[in-house]
Amino acid sequence: MISLNLFPSSSSLNPGLLRTTRARQDPTRQSPLLATGNKPVNGDYPLGFSPIPKLRFRGFAAKPLFSIANPEYSSGFSRRFRSIAAVPPPAESAAGSSEPSPDGEYEISAEETDGKTKSKTLQLAIVFGFWYFQNIVFNIFNKKALNVFPFPWLLASFQLFTGSVWMLVLWSLKLYPCPKISKSFIIALLGPALFHTIGHISACVSFSKVAVSFTHVIKSAEPVFSVIFSSFLGDPYPLSVWLSILPIVFGVSLAAITEVSFNLGGLWGAMISNVGFVLRNIYSKRSLQNFKEIDGLNLYGWISIVSLLYLFPVAIFIEGSQWVQGYHKAIEAVGKPATFYMWVLLSGIFYHLYNQSSYQALDQISPLTFSVGNTMKRVVVIVSSVLVFRNPVRPLNALGSAIAILGTFLYSQATAKKVKTGGGDKKN
């Protein structure tokens, strides 16, 4: 995952650069290549490689599986690995020559840099577009399925099953590299996967009882739990972070007491989901930080597999006796079995895809930019669900939701300042 790009042979260098490089290494010695006109003397260029220009580090960052902050605001399952490469020479000028800078590095033109920036911006816009679209589709079809088949334990299990099958297909067809898994990795994964299971099933239970928009407003309070638990476990936050969570608490409280579809079970489901995901973040940071060779998507795939093993047996125990009767009622309510199957299948596929796109987006941008994008994503999902399901929204409810979303934005800004001053994990 880390590449070192070298010039393949001494013949690829122009004599001027070769002479300059060798002279810098030993001014008293002339290069055997220049002296004889033939191939290098044995031992001068090991493995046939020519002298290497000064290496320019393009950057290396290993992100933890989760940060202390909300994974949707922060690192998720992602790790970035960028290459360490010898800077290649630019294309020859009109005069037919290309000279290095005095320190041995080649310069990149402003036009080339501008072109790369535009290309990266376009690519990032596409990734964000897919991320938002897939999240909206998941929430819509997940809610449609739950409206006619109110068995969130089975539906949540199916979503994890879909993601697991997706990753197994990618690995078996070699469309994505399969990681080497050790016993120590599986043991370290058990805790985070358990909390991931709790967070996922609790959110699905909340979706089955209240409006999608209400669940997302409650879930915007996850930073509150993150700050409280992290501080309790010895990771203190500055006053600015504590102040930033106050509007979240106020906004969520206002939205809850004015919610038309309010249900205590739905409220508790969303709150438990917040606790589950925060504990997943904390334990992942502690137990999985030594497995940097496994990238984000592979890690998420294994989380899905282990979580499925946790969840499905419990789902059978809690709901299994009601599934057959519930299935017939769902088919009767929908009218066409194919329609119901499509809703369930799309909820599973897009649950995996939107998570995958979020990790791809995080690989391209800073965590702060990602957190801002995620805040906007939550706004888009709330508005879309209100429009699709025509949920009645009271003015105070809308105001409370807006204040809570604004609080999550202020929280991301405050935690970013904490990182810059060295007060916390720089990968948050």
Protein backbone atom coordinates (compact mmCIF):
# COMPACT_ATOMS: atom_id res chain seq x y z
CA MET A 1 0.00 0.00 0.00
CA ILE A 2 3.07 2.21 0.18
CA SER A 3 4.84 2.57 -3.12
CA LEU A 4 8.39 3.72 -3.84
CA ASN A 5 8.65 4.86 -7.45
CA LEU A 6 12.21 4.75 -8.75
CA PHE A 7 13.66 5.35 -12.19
CA PRO A 8 14.06 1.86 -13.71
CA SER A 9 17.59 2.15 -14.98
CA SER A 10 20.54 4.48 -15.32
CA SER A 11 19.85 4.96 -19.01
CA SER A 12 16.65 6.85 -18.17
CA LEU A 13 18.63 9.73 -16.63
CA ASN A 14 20.19 12.45 -18.71
CA PRO A 15 23.97 12.69 -18.23
CA GLY A 16 23.73 16.14 -16.67
CA LEU A 17 21.52 14.95 -13.82
CA LEU A 18 23.60 11.81 -13.31
CA ARG A 19 26.84 13.77 -13.18
CA THR A 20 25.31 16.27 -10.75
CA THR A 21 23.95 13.55 -8.46
CA ARG A 22 27.16 11.50 -8.37
CA ALA A 23 29.27 14.60 -7.88
CA ARG A 24 27.14 15.57 -4.93
CA GLN A 25 27.66 12.12 -3.42
CA ASP A 26 31.48 12.15 -3.97
CA PRO A 27 32.99 15.18 -5.74
CA THR A 28 36.35 13.40 -6.18
CA ARG A 29 34.95 10.44 -8.02
CA GLN A 30 33.74 10.29 -11.61
CA SER A 31 30.84 8.00 -12.42
CA PRO A 32 31.98 4.71 -13.98
CA LEU A 33 29.06 5.04 -16.38
CA LEU A 34 30.40 8.30 -17.73
CA ALA A 35 33.99 7.11 -17.72
CA THR A 36 33.51 3.90 -19.68
CA GLY A 37 30.37 4.56 -21.65
CA ASN A 38 29.22 1.07 -20.71
CA LYS A 39 27.05 -0.42 -17.97
CA PRO A 40 27.95 0.41 -14.39
CA VAL A 41 30.74 -1.27 -12.55
CA ASN A 42 29.56 -4.04 -10.22
CA GLY A 43 28.33 -2.66 -6.91
CA ASP A 44 27.92 0.97 -8.03
CA TYR A 45 24.20 0.68 -8.75
CA PRO A 46 22.69 -2.16 -6.70
CA LEU A 47 19.91 -4.09 -8.44
CA GLY A 48 20.39 -2.03 -11.57
CA PHE A 49 18.84 1.14 -10.12
CA SER A 50 20.29 4.52 -10.96
CA PRO A 51 20.94 7.25 -8.38
CA ILE A 52 17.68 8.48 -6.88
CA PRO A 53 16.69 12.15 -6.79
CA LYS A 54 15.86 13.57 -3.42
CA LEU A 55 12.71 11.85 -2.13
CA ARG A 56 9.71 14.06 -1.56
CA PHE A 57 7.26 12.66 0.97
CA ARG A 58 3.78 13.14 -0.35
CA GLY A 59 2.30 12.31 3.01
CA PHE A 60 1.44 9.36 5.13
CA ALA A 61 -1.44 9.12 7.55
CA ALA A 62 -2.77 6.07 9.32
CA LYS A 63 -6.28 6.73 10.58
CA PRO A 64 -7.76 4.68 13.40
CA LEU A 65 -10.82 2.59 12.83
CA PHE A 66 -12.88 5.06 14.80
CA SER A 67 -12.11 8.30 16.49
CA ILE A 68 -13.48 9.42 19.80
CA ALA A 69 -15.88 11.60 17.84
CA ASN A 70 -18.85 10.31 15.87
CA PRO A 71 -17.49 8.05 13.09
CA GLU A 72 -19.74 9.87 10.69
CA TYR A 73 -18.03 13.12 11.70
CA SER A 74 -14.62 11.64 11.81
CA SER A 75 -12.49 8.74 10.82
CA GLY A 76 -15.03 5.93 10.49
CA PHE A 77 -13.24 2.70 9.50
CA SER A 78 -10.80 4.52 7.31
CA ARG A 79 -7.03 4.56 7.09
CA ARG A 80 -5.15 6.49 4.49
CA PHE A 81 -1.90 5.28 2.97
CA ARG A 82 -0.22 7.61 0.55
CA SER A 83 2.84 6.87 -1.50
CA ILE A 84 6.43 7.85 -0.86
CA ALA A 85 7.68 8.51 -4.34
CA ALA A 86 10.63 9.97 -6.13
CA VAL A 87 9.26 13.01 -7.91
CA PRO A 88 9.29 12.18 -11.64
CA PRO A 89 10.81 14.62 -14.12
CA PRO A 90 8.36 16.85 -15.98
CA ALA A 91 7.89 16.65 -19.71
CA GLU A 92 10.71 18.17 -21.73
CA SER A 93 10.35 21.80 -22.61
CA ALA A 94 10.29 23.18 -26.09
CA ALA A 95 14.06 23.43 -25.97
CA GLY A 96 14.23 19.67 -25.37
CA SER A 97 15.70 19.73 -21.89
CA SER A 98 14.51 19.28 -18.35
CA GLU A 99 16.73 20.38 -15.47
CA PRO A 100 16.29 19.65 -11.78
CA SER A 101 16.15 22.33 -9.15
CA PRO A 102 19.37 22.97 -7.15
CA ASP A 103 18.29 20.62 -4.36
CA GLY A 104 17.66 17.75 -6.75
CA GLU A 105 13.85 18.03 -6.86
CA TYR A 106 11.81 18.61 -9.98
CA GLU A 107 9.24 21.38 -9.91
CA ILE A 108 5.58 20.90 -10.88
CA SER A 109 4.05 23.62 -13.01
CA ALA A 110 1.14 25.72 -11.75
CA GLU A 111 -0.98 24.52 -14.66
CA GLU A 112 -0.42 20.88 -13.71
CA THR A 113 -1.24 21.58 -10.06
CA ASP A 114 -4.40 23.47 -11.02
CA GLY A 115 -5.49 20.61 -13.26
CA LYS A 116 -4.99 18.06 -10.50
CA THR A 117 -6.92 20.24 -8.05
CA LYS A 118 -9.90 20.53 -10.40
CA SER A 119 -9.86 16.81 -11.05
CA LYS A 120 -9.76 16.02 -7.33
CA THR A 121 -12.60 18.49 -6.65
CA LEU A 122 -14.75 16.85 -9.31
CA GLN A 123 -13.98 13.39 -7.98
CA LEU A 124 -14.82 14.50 -4.44
CA ALA A 125 -18.10 16.05 -5.60
CA ILE A 126 -19.07 12.75 -7.22
CA VAL A 127 -18.21 10.78 -4.07
CA PHE A 128 -20.24 13.18 -1.90
CA GLY A 129 -23.14 12.99 -4.34
CA PHE A 130 -23.20 9.20 -4.18
CA TRP A 131 -22.84 9.28 -0.41
CA TYR A 132 -25.85 11.58 0.03
CA PHE A 133 -27.96 9.79 -2.56
CA GLN A 134 -27.26 6.34 -1.14
CA ASN A 135 -28.01 7.49 2.40
CA ILE A 136 -31.33 8.97 1.32
CA VAL A 137 -32.29 5.80 -0.58
CA PHE A 138 -31.40 3.61 2.42
CA ASN A 139 -33.49 5.67 4.84
CA ILE A 140 -36.50 5.76 2.53
CA PHE A 141 -36.64 2.03 1.71
CA ASN A 142 -35.68 1.01 5.23
CA LYS A 143 -38.64 2.98 6.56
CA LYS A 144 -40.96 1.67 3.84
CA ALA A 145 -40.08 -1.91 4.76
CA LEU A 146 -40.47 -1.26 8.48
CA ASN A 147 -43.88 0.37 7.96
CA VAL A 148 -45.34 -2.88 6.60
CA PHE A 149 -42.98 -5.34 8.33
CA PRO A 150 -42.24 -3.93 11.82
CA PHE A 151 -39.52 -6.40 12.71
CA PRO A 152 -36.32 -4.34 12.96
CA TRP A 153 -34.20 -7.21 14.33
CA LEU A 154 -34.67 -9.28 11.18
CA LEU A 155 -34.27 -6.30 8.86
CA ALA A 156 -31.09 -5.14 10.63
CA SER A 157 -29.71 -8.68 10.37
CA PHE A 158 -30.46 -8.75 6.65
CA GLN A 159 -28.63 -5.46 6.13
CA LEU A 160 -25.53 -6.84 7.82
CA PHE A 161 -25.93 -10.04 5.80
CA THR A 162 -26.04 -8.06 2.56
CA GLY A 163 -22.85 -6.19 3.44
CA SER A 164 -21.12 -9.42 4.42
CA VAL A 165 -22.05 -11.12 1.14
CA TRP A 166 -20.96 -8.01 -0.77
CA MET A 167 -17.49 -8.12 0.77
CA LEU A 168 -17.16 -11.89 0.35
CA VAL A 169 -17.92 -11.51 -3.37
CA LEU A 170 -15.32 -8.74 -3.71
CA TRP A 171 -12.71 -10.89 -1.96
CA SER A 172 -13.50 -14.14 -3.77
CA LEU A 173 -13.46 -12.51 -7.22
CA LYS A 174 -10.34 -10.55 -6.26
CA LEU A 175 -12.08 -7.27 -7.02
CA TYR A 176 -10.72 -6.01 -3.71
CA PRO A 177 -7.66 -7.37 -1.84
CA CYS A 178 -8.59 -9.75 0.95
CA PRO A 179 -6.67 -8.99 4.17
CA LYS A 180 -4.74 -11.60 6.10
CA ILE A 181 -6.64 -12.18 9.31
CA SER A 182 -4.97 -13.28 12.53
CA LYS A 183 -6.45 -14.66 15.73
CA SER A 184 -5.37 -11.53 17.61
CA PHE A 185 -7.25 -9.36 15.12
CA ILE A 186 -10.47 -11.33 15.54
CA ILE A 187 -10.18 -11.10 19.32
CA ALA A 188 -9.58 -7.35 19.12
CA LEU A 189 -12.59 -7.03 16.81
CA LEU A 190 -15.08 -8.72 19.14
CA GLY A 191 -15.66 -5.68 21.38
CA PRO A 192 -16.07 -3.04 18.65
CA ALA A 193 -18.31 -5.38 16.63
CA LEU A 194 -20.55 -5.93 19.65
CA PHE A 195 -21.03 -2.18 20.18
CA HIS A 196 -21.55 -1.72 16.44
CA THR A 197 -24.32 -4.33 16.63
CA ILE A 198 -25.95 -2.50 19.54
CA GLY A 199 -25.77 0.82 17.71
CA HIS A 200 -27.20 -0.57 14.48
CA ILE A 201 -30.10 -2.55 15.92
CA SER A 202 -31.06 0.30 18.27
CA ALA A 203 -31.24 2.71 15.35
CA CYS A 204 -33.42 0.27 13.40
CA VAL A 205 -35.74 -0.12 16.40
CA SER A 206 -36.04 3.67 16.55
CA PHE A 207 -36.78 3.87 12.81
CA SER A 208 -39.58 1.33 13.24
CA LYS A 209 -41.33 3.42 15.90
CA VAL A 210 -40.88 7.09 14.93
CA ALA A 211 -40.31 9.24 11.88
CA VAL A 212 -36.92 9.04 10.15
CA SER A 213 -36.39 12.75 10.71
CA PHE A 214 -36.91 12.40 14.47
CA THR A 215 -34.41 9.54 14.75
CA HIS A 216 -31.79 11.56 12.90
CA VAL A 217 -32.35 14.58 15.13
CA ILE A 218 -31.79 12.40 18.21
CA LYS A 219 -28.73 10.81 16.61
CA SER A 220 -27.25 14.26 16.07
CA ALA A 221 -26.72 14.26 19.85
CA GLU A 222 -24.01 11.60 19.59
CA PRO A 223 -21.21 14.16 20.21
CA VAL A 224 -22.71 14.79 23.64
CA PHE A 225 -22.21 11.15 24.64
CA SER A 226 -18.78 11.14 23.03
CA VAL A 227 -17.55 14.08 25.11
CA ILE A 228 -19.01 12.70 28.35
CA PHE A 229 -17.67 9.15 27.96
CA SER A 230 -14.28 10.28 26.64
CA SER A 231 -13.80 12.71 29.51
CA PHE A 232 -14.79 10.03 32.01
CA LEU A 233 -12.16 7.69 30.50
CA GLY A 234 -9.38 10.25 30.75
CA ASP A 235 -9.50 12.22 27.49
CA PRO A 236 -10.41 15.77 28.62
CA TYR A 237 -11.96 18.34 26.31
CA PRO A 238 -11.53 22.13 26.48
CA LEU A 239 -14.32 24.47 27.51
CA SER A 240 -15.10 25.38 23.87
CA VAL A 241 -16.08 21.76 23.14
CA TRP A 242 -18.31 21.56 26.21
CA LEU A 243 -20.00 24.81 25.20
CA SER A 244 -20.55 23.52 21.67
CA ILE A 245 -22.67 20.60 22.90
CA LEU A 246 -25.10 22.88 24.76
CA PRO A 247 -27.06 23.84 21.61
CA ILE A 248 -27.17 20.14 20.68
CA VAL A 249 -28.80 19.29 24.00
CA PHE A 250 -31.23 22.20 23.78
CA GLY A 251 -32.14 21.58 20.14
CA VAL A 252 -32.68 17.85 20.58
CA SER A 253 -34.81 18.46 23.68
CA LEU A 254 -36.96 21.04 21.88
CA ALA A 255 -37.40 18.76 18.87
CA ALA A 256 -38.33 15.80 21.08
CA ILE A 257 -41.06 17.52 23.09
CA THR A 258 -42.65 18.98 19.93
CA GLU A 259 -42.38 15.82 17.77
CA VAL A 260 -45.73 14.74 16.35
CA SER A 261 -44.68 11.08 16.04
CA PHE A 262 -43.06 10.99 19.48
CA ASN A 263 -42.71 7.50 20.93
CA LEU A 264 -40.72 6.65 24.03
CA GLY A 265 -39.40 3.44 22.49
CA GLY A 266 -38.21 5.35 19.42
CA LEU A 267 -36.50 7.94 21.60
CA TRP A 268 -34.70 5.33 23.69
CA GLY A 269 -33.71 3.38 20.59
CA ALA A 270 -31.96 6.41 19.10
CA MET A 271 -30.31 7.27 22.42
CA ILE A 272 -29.02 3.71 22.92
CA SER A 273 -27.74 3.80 19.34
CA ASN A 274 -25.70 6.88 20.23
CA VAL A 275 -24.23 5.13 23.27
CA GLY A 276 -23.43 2.01 21.25
CA PHE A 277 -21.63 3.85 18.49
CA VAL A 278 -19.67 6.03 20.92
CA LEU A 279 -18.47 2.98 22.86
CA ARG A 280 -17.62 1.31 19.56
CA ASN A 281 -15.46 4.30 18.67
CA ILE A 282 -13.64 4.30 21.98
CA TYR A 283 -12.97 0.57 22.12
CA SER A 284 -11.98 0.46 18.46
CA LYS A 285 -9.41 3.16 19.05
CA ARG A 286 -7.93 1.19 21.93
CA SER A 287 -8.03 -2.38 20.58
CA LEU A 288 -7.58 -1.99 16.81
CA GLN A 289 -4.93 0.72 16.54
CA ASN A 290 -2.16 -1.87 16.01
CA PHE A 291 -3.75 -3.37 12.88
CA LYS A 292 -2.88 -0.61 10.44
CA GLU A 293 -2.27 -3.08 7.61
CA ILE A 294 -6.05 -3.62 7.25
CA ASP A 295 -7.71 -0.77 5.41
CA GLY A 296 -11.07 0.81 6.15
CA LEU A 297 -13.32 -1.09 3.76
CA ASN A 298 -11.90 -4.48 4.73
CA LEU A 299 -12.27 -3.59 8.39
CA TYR A 300 -15.89 -2.60 7.85
CA GLY A 301 -16.47 -5.89 6.02
CA TRP A 302 -15.23 -7.90 8.99
CA ILE A 303 -17.22 -5.75 11.39
CA SER A 304 -20.36 -6.60 9.37
CA ILE A 305 -19.60 -10.33 9.46
CA VAL A 306 -18.96 -10.48 13.20
CA SER A 307 -21.95 -8.22 13.93
CA LEU A 308 -24.19 -10.53 11.91
CA LEU A 309 -23.05 -13.47 14.01
CA TYR A 310 -23.93 -11.49 17.12
CA LEU A 311 -27.30 -10.20 15.94
CA PHE A 312 -29.09 -12.93 14.03
CA PRO A 313 -29.35 -15.53 16.84
CA VAL A 314 -30.79 -12.85 19.15
CA ALA A 315 -33.19 -11.76 16.39
CA ILE A 316 -34.51 -15.33 16.12
CA PHE A 317 -35.05 -15.45 19.88
CA ILE A 318 -36.84 -12.07 20.06
CA GLU A 319 -38.88 -11.99 16.85
CA GLY A 320 -38.57 -15.38 15.16
CA SER A 321 -41.98 -16.70 16.14
CA GLN A 322 -43.72 -13.71 14.52
CA TRP A 323 -41.89 -13.53 11.19
CA VAL A 324 -44.16 -15.81 9.15
CA GLN A 325 -47.34 -14.08 10.25
CA GLY A 326 -45.73 -10.67 9.78
CA TYR A 327 -44.56 -11.61 6.29
CA HIS A 328 -48.10 -12.49 5.16
CA LYS A 329 -49.44 -9.23 6.58
CA ALA A 330 -46.70 -7.30 4.78
CA ILE A 331 -47.50 -8.93 1.43
CA GLU A 332 -51.18 -8.22 1.96
CA ALA A 333 -50.46 -4.58 2.76
CA VAL A 334 -48.13 -4.04 -0.22
CA GLY A 335 -50.10 -6.09 -2.73
CA LYS A 336 -47.17 -7.45 -4.72
CA PRO A 337 -44.50 -9.67 -3.12
CA ALA A 338 -41.89 -8.35 -5.57
CA THR A 339 -42.41 -4.82 -4.25
CA PHE A 340 -41.77 -5.87 -0.67
CA TYR A 341 -38.71 -7.90 -1.70
CA MET A 342 -37.35 -4.89 -3.56
CA TRP A 343 -37.75 -2.60 -0.54
CA VAL A 344 -35.91 -5.02 1.74
CA LEU A 345 -33.16 -5.70 -0.81
CA LEU A 346 -32.57 -2.00 -1.52
CA SER A 347 -32.39 -1.22 2.20
CA GLY A 348 -29.63 -3.82 2.58
CA ILE A 349 -27.65 -2.82 -0.50
CA PHE A 350 -27.74 0.89 0.15
CA TYR A 351 -26.95 0.45 3.83
CA HIS A 352 -23.62 -1.02 2.78
CA LEU A 353 -23.06 1.40 -0.11
CA TYR A 354 -23.57 4.58 1.86
CA ASN A 355 -21.10 3.41 4.51
CA GLN A 356 -18.62 2.49 1.79
CA SER A 357 -18.99 5.91 0.12
CA SER A 358 -18.49 7.70 3.44
CA TYR A 359 -15.13 5.95 3.90
CA GLN A 360 -14.10 6.83 0.36
CA ALA A 361 -15.00 10.46 1.02
CA LEU A 362 -12.96 10.47 4.22
CA ASP A 363 -9.95 9.10 2.34
CA GLN A 364 -10.05 12.15 0.07
CA ILE A 365 -10.54 14.97 2.57
CA SER A 366 -9.68 16.11 6.06
CA PRO A 367 -11.80 14.92 9.00
CA LEU A 368 -13.08 18.48 9.55
CA THR A 369 -14.33 18.79 5.97
CA PHE A 370 -15.85 15.35 6.33
CA SER A 371 -17.69 16.36 9.51
CA VAL A 372 -19.15 19.43 7.79
CA GLY A 373 -20.23 17.25 4.88
CA ASN A 374 -21.80 14.78 7.26
CA THR A 375 -23.72 17.54 9.01
CA MET A 376 -25.14 18.65 5.67
CA LYS A 377 -25.93 15.01 4.86
CA ARG A 378 -28.06 14.75 7.98
CA VAL A 379 -29.95 17.89 6.95
CA VAL A 380 -30.54 16.45 3.46
CA VAL A 381 -31.80 13.14 4.89
CA ILE A 382 -34.16 14.88 7.33
CA VAL A 383 -35.63 17.14 4.63
CA SER A 384 -35.92 14.26 2.13
CA SER A 385 -37.71 11.99 4.60
CA VAL A 386 -40.15 14.75 5.52
CA LEU A 387 -40.96 15.33 1.84
CA VAL A 388 -41.27 11.63 0.96
CA PHE A 389 -43.35 10.52 3.95
CA ARG A 390 -45.16 13.86 4.37
CA ASN A 391 -44.50 13.95 8.09
CA PRO A 392 -46.14 16.94 9.81
CA VAL A 393 -43.53 19.27 11.27
CA ARG A 394 -44.34 21.91 13.85
CA PRO A 395 -42.42 25.22 13.77
CA LEU A 396 -40.82 24.58 17.17
CA ASN A 397 -39.83 21.09 16.06
CA ALA A 398 -38.12 22.49 12.98
CA LEU A 399 -36.38 25.12 15.10
CA GLY A 400 -35.14 22.52 17.57
CA SER A 401 -33.83 20.33 14.75
CA ALA A 402 -32.00 23.29 13.20
CA ILE A 403 -30.40 24.22 16.54
CA ALA A 404 -29.26 20.62 17.11
CA ILE A 405 -27.71 20.41 13.63
CA LEU A 406 -26.00 23.76 14.15
CA GLY A 407 -24.62 22.42 17.43
CA THR A 408 -23.03 19.44 15.66
CA PHE A 409 -21.33 21.87 13.27
CA LEU A 410 -19.99 23.97 16.16
CA TYR A 411 -18.80 20.77 17.84
CA SER A 412 -16.79 19.79 14.76
CA GLN A 413 -15.19 23.24 14.69
CA ALA A 414 -14.33 23.11 18.39
CA THR A 415 -12.81 19.62 18.20
CA ALA A 416 -10.76 20.69 15.18
CA LYS A 417 -9.24 23.50 17.24
CA LYS A 418 -8.55 20.99 20.03
CA VAL A 419 -6.56 18.88 17.56
CA LYS A 420 -4.56 21.85 16.24
CA THR A 421 -3.51 22.87 19.74
CA GLY A 422 -2.36 19.33 20.48
CA GLY A 423 -5.14 18.68 22.94
CA GLY A 424 -6.35 15.44 21.45
CA ASP A 425 -6.04 12.81 18.83
CA LYS A 426 -4.84 14.48 15.66
CA LYS A 427 -6.76 12.02 13.58
CA ASN A 428 -10.14 13.12 14.94
